């Protein structure tokens, strides 16, 4: 599958790689008290989130909210 597209496969990963590869990157950033999280655009390869990083954008985490409050707020947005 990775070889089918002529320019390769691109992924938008929900963290600033390579710190949080794999599942639940935003949750780990909040749980570990990080000041920022973000997204990374990357090429897919055979590893787990190990491809070449193309772009990254940071997003500040608001420290006044607990993780559970953030997820509750996100769930309300999704349902509306």
N, C-alpha and C. Protein backbone atom coordinates (compact mmCIF):
# COMPACT_ATOMS: atom_id res chain seq x y z
N UNK A 1 0.80 -1.19 0.00
CA UNK A 1 0.00 0.00 0.00
C UNK A 1 0.86 1.27 0.00
N UNK A 2 1.95 1.26 0.72
CA UNK A 2 2.76 2.48 0.83
C UNK A 2 3.38 2.89 -0.51
N UNK A 3 3.56 1.94 -1.40
CA UNK A 3 4.19 2.24 -2.69
C UNK A 3 3.20 2.63 -3.77
N UNK A 4 1.90 2.48 -3.53
CA UNK A 4 0.91 2.74 -4.57
C UNK A 4 0.85 4.20 -5.00
N UNK A 5 0.71 5.17 -4.11
CA UNK A 5 0.66 6.57 -4.56
C UNK A 5 2.03 7.01 -5.09
N UNK A 6 2.07 7.67 -6.23
CA UNK A 6 3.35 8.07 -6.81
C UNK A 6 4.20 8.96 -5.90
N UNK A 7 3.56 9.80 -5.08
CA UNK A 7 4.30 10.69 -4.20
C UNK A 7 4.33 10.20 -2.75
N UNK A 8 3.86 8.99 -2.52
CA UNK A 8 3.86 8.44 -1.18
C UNK A 8 2.60 8.79 -0.42
N UNK A 9 2.50 8.30 0.82
CA UNK A 9 1.35 8.53 1.68
C UNK A 9 1.71 9.58 2.73
N UNK A 10 0.77 10.48 3.00
CA UNK A 10 0.97 11.55 3.97
C UNK A 10 -0.02 11.36 5.12
N UNK A 11 0.41 11.66 6.34
CA UNK A 11 -0.42 11.53 7.52
C UNK A 11 -0.35 12.82 8.34
N UNK A 12 -1.47 13.20 8.95
CA UNK A 12 -1.50 14.29 9.92
C UNK A 12 -1.62 13.65 11.29
N UNK A 13 -0.55 13.73 12.07
CA UNK A 13 -0.48 13.09 13.39
C UNK A 13 -0.81 14.11 14.47
N UNK A 14 -1.58 13.70 15.46
CA UNK A 14 -2.06 14.60 16.50
C UNK A 14 -1.08 14.89 17.61
N UNK A 15 0.18 15.05 17.31
CA UNK A 15 1.17 15.47 18.31
C UNK A 15 2.40 16.02 17.60
N UNK A 16 3.29 16.55 18.41
CA UNK A 16 4.58 17.00 17.87
C UNK A 16 5.53 15.81 17.93
N UNK A 17 5.71 15.18 16.78
CA UNK A 17 6.60 14.03 16.73
C UNK A 17 8.04 14.50 16.91
N UNK A 18 8.90 13.68 17.43
CA UNK A 18 8.71 12.27 17.74
C UNK A 18 8.30 11.98 19.19
N UNK A 19 7.97 12.99 19.97
CA UNK A 19 7.75 12.77 21.40
C UNK A 19 6.64 11.77 21.70
N UNK A 20 5.48 11.93 21.08
CA UNK A 20 4.35 11.05 21.39
C UNK A 20 3.91 10.29 20.15
N UNK A 21 4.61 9.22 19.88
CA UNK A 21 4.22 8.33 18.78
C UNK A 21 3.10 7.42 19.28
N UNK A 22 2.28 6.94 18.36
CA UNK A 22 1.26 5.96 18.72
C UNK A 22 -0.04 6.58 19.20
N UNK A 23 -0.76 5.79 20.00
CA UNK A 23 -2.11 6.17 20.43
C UNK A 23 -2.10 7.22 21.53
N UNK A 24 -3.16 7.99 21.58
CA UNK A 24 -3.47 8.97 22.63
C UNK A 24 -2.40 10.04 22.84
N UNK A 25 -1.88 10.65 21.79
CA UNK A 25 -0.82 11.64 21.98
C UNK A 25 -1.26 12.88 22.74
N UNK A 26 -2.49 13.36 22.51
CA UNK A 26 -2.95 14.55 23.23
C UNK A 26 -3.14 14.23 24.71
N UNK A 27 -3.72 13.06 24.99
CA UNK A 27 -3.92 12.67 26.38
C UNK A 27 -2.60 12.59 27.13
N UNK A 28 -1.57 12.04 26.50
CA UNK A 28 -0.27 11.94 27.16
C UNK A 28 0.35 13.32 27.38
N UNK A 29 0.17 14.23 26.43
CA UNK A 29 0.70 15.58 26.61
C UNK A 29 0.05 16.26 27.81
N UNK A 30 -1.26 16.12 27.95
CA UNK A 30 -1.97 16.71 29.08
C UNK A 30 -1.55 16.02 30.37
N UNK A 31 -1.54 14.69 30.38
CA UNK A 31 -1.20 13.93 31.59
C UNK A 31 0.21 14.23 32.07
N UNK A 32 1.13 14.48 31.15
CA UNK A 32 2.52 14.74 31.52
C UNK A 32 2.79 16.21 31.82
N UNK A 33 1.76 17.04 31.73
CA UNK A 33 1.93 18.45 32.07
C UNK A 33 2.66 19.27 31.04
N UNK A 34 2.65 18.85 29.78
CA UNK A 34 3.33 19.62 28.74
C UNK A 34 2.67 20.98 28.56
N UNK A 35 3.45 21.97 28.23
CA UNK A 35 2.92 23.32 27.99
C UNK A 35 2.35 23.45 26.59
N UNK A 36 2.83 22.62 25.66
CA UNK A 36 2.36 22.67 24.27
C UNK A 36 2.11 21.27 23.75
N UNK A 37 1.25 21.19 22.78
CA UNK A 37 1.07 20.00 21.96
C UNK A 37 1.05 20.50 20.53
N UNK A 38 0.53 19.74 19.62
CA UNK A 38 0.48 20.23 18.25
C UNK A 38 0.18 19.11 17.27
N UNK A 39 0.45 19.37 16.02
CA UNK A 39 0.27 18.39 14.96
C UNK A 39 1.52 18.34 14.10
N UNK A 40 1.74 17.18 13.51
CA UNK A 40 2.87 16.98 12.60
C UNK A 40 2.37 16.34 11.32
N UNK A 41 2.76 16.90 10.19
CA UNK A 41 2.50 16.27 8.89
C UNK A 41 3.73 15.44 8.56
N UNK A 42 3.48 14.19 8.17
CA UNK A 42 4.61 13.28 7.95
C UNK A 42 4.31 12.31 6.81
N UNK A 43 5.38 11.77 6.25
CA UNK A 43 5.25 10.69 5.27
C UNK A 43 5.09 9.37 6.03
N UNK A 44 4.22 8.52 5.53
CA UNK A 44 4.06 7.21 6.14
C UNK A 44 5.16 6.27 5.67
N UNK A 45 5.64 5.44 6.58
CA UNK A 45 6.55 4.36 6.22
C UNK A 45 6.11 3.12 6.99
N UNK A 46 6.94 2.10 7.02
CA UNK A 46 6.54 0.83 7.63
C UNK A 46 6.51 0.88 9.16
N UNK A 47 7.15 1.85 9.79
CA UNK A 47 7.15 1.95 11.25
C UNK A 47 5.93 2.69 11.77
N UNK A 48 5.80 2.74 13.08
CA UNK A 48 4.70 3.45 13.72
C UNK A 48 5.10 4.90 13.94
N UNK A 49 4.56 5.80 13.11
CA UNK A 49 4.84 7.23 13.21
C UNK A 49 6.34 7.53 13.13
N UNK A 50 7.04 6.85 12.22
CA UNK A 50 8.48 7.00 12.09
C UNK A 50 8.90 7.64 10.77
N UNK A 51 7.95 8.00 9.92
CA UNK A 51 8.29 8.57 8.62
C UNK A 51 8.88 9.96 8.72
N UNK A 52 9.35 10.44 7.59
CA UNK A 52 9.95 11.78 7.50
C UNK A 52 8.93 12.84 7.90
N UNK A 53 9.32 13.73 8.82
CA UNK A 53 8.45 14.82 9.25
C UNK A 53 8.55 15.95 8.24
N UNK A 54 7.40 16.47 7.81
CA UNK A 54 7.37 17.52 6.80
C UNK A 54 7.07 18.89 7.40
N UNK A 55 6.04 18.97 8.25
CA UNK A 55 5.64 20.22 8.88
C UNK A 55 5.20 19.95 10.30
N UNK A 56 5.31 20.94 11.17
CA UNK A 56 4.80 20.83 12.54
C UNK A 56 4.25 22.17 12.96
N UNK A 57 3.16 22.13 13.73
CA UNK A 57 2.57 23.36 14.26
C UNK A 57 2.24 23.15 15.73
N UNK A 58 2.69 24.08 16.58
CA UNK A 58 2.46 23.98 18.03
C UNK A 58 1.13 24.59 18.42
N UNK A 59 0.57 24.08 19.52
CA UNK A 59 -0.64 24.61 20.11
C UNK A 59 -0.46 24.61 21.62
N UNK A 60 -0.61 25.77 22.24
CA UNK A 60 -0.43 25.87 23.70
C UNK A 60 -1.56 25.13 24.41
N UNK A 61 -1.20 24.41 25.46
CA UNK A 61 -2.19 23.76 26.32
C UNK A 61 -2.53 24.70 27.46
N UNK A 62 -3.80 24.83 27.75
CA UNK A 62 -4.26 25.69 28.83
C UNK A 62 -4.14 24.91 30.14
N UNK A 63 -3.33 25.39 31.04
CA UNK A 63 -3.04 24.68 32.30
C UNK A 63 -4.15 24.79 33.33
N UNK A 64 -5.11 25.69 33.11
CA UNK A 64 -6.15 25.88 34.12
C UNK A 64 -7.25 24.83 34.03
N UNK A 65 -7.24 24.03 33.01
CA UNK A 65 -8.25 22.98 32.85
C UNK A 65 -7.64 21.62 33.12
N UNK A 66 -8.39 20.80 33.79
CA UNK A 66 -7.97 19.40 33.95
C UNK A 66 -8.26 18.66 32.66
N UNK A 67 -7.60 17.52 32.48
CA UNK A 67 -7.80 16.72 31.28
C UNK A 67 -9.27 16.35 31.11
N UNK A 68 -9.95 15.93 32.19
CA UNK A 68 -11.35 15.52 32.08
C UNK A 68 -12.23 16.68 31.60
N UNK A 69 -11.91 17.91 32.01
CA UNK A 69 -12.68 19.06 31.57
C UNK A 69 -12.49 19.31 30.08
N UNK A 70 -11.27 19.12 29.59
CA UNK A 70 -11.00 19.29 28.16
C UNK A 70 -11.80 18.29 27.34
N UNK A 71 -11.78 17.03 27.76
CA UNK A 71 -12.49 16.01 26.99
C UNK A 71 -14.00 16.21 27.05
N UNK A 72 -14.52 16.65 28.19
CA UNK A 72 -15.95 16.93 28.29
C UNK A 72 -16.34 18.05 27.33
N UNK A 73 -15.51 19.06 27.25
CA UNK A 73 -15.78 20.18 26.34
C UNK A 73 -15.73 19.72 24.89
N UNK A 74 -14.72 18.92 24.53
CA UNK A 74 -14.60 18.41 23.16
C UNK A 74 -15.82 17.56 22.80
N UNK A 75 -16.29 16.74 23.76
CA UNK A 75 -17.46 15.90 23.48
C UNK A 75 -18.70 16.75 23.22
N UNK A 76 -18.88 17.84 23.96
CA UNK A 76 -20.03 18.72 23.71
C UNK A 76 -19.95 19.32 22.31
N UNK A 77 -18.76 19.71 21.87
CA UNK A 77 -18.60 20.27 20.52
C UNK A 77 -18.97 19.25 19.46
N UNK A 78 -18.55 18.01 19.66
CA UNK A 78 -18.81 16.97 18.67
C UNK A 78 -20.31 16.68 18.57
N UNK A 79 -20.99 16.68 19.69
CA UNK A 79 -22.42 16.36 19.72
C UNK A 79 -23.29 17.49 19.17
N UNK A 80 -22.80 18.71 19.19
CA UNK A 80 -23.65 19.83 18.75
C UNK A 80 -23.61 20.02 17.25
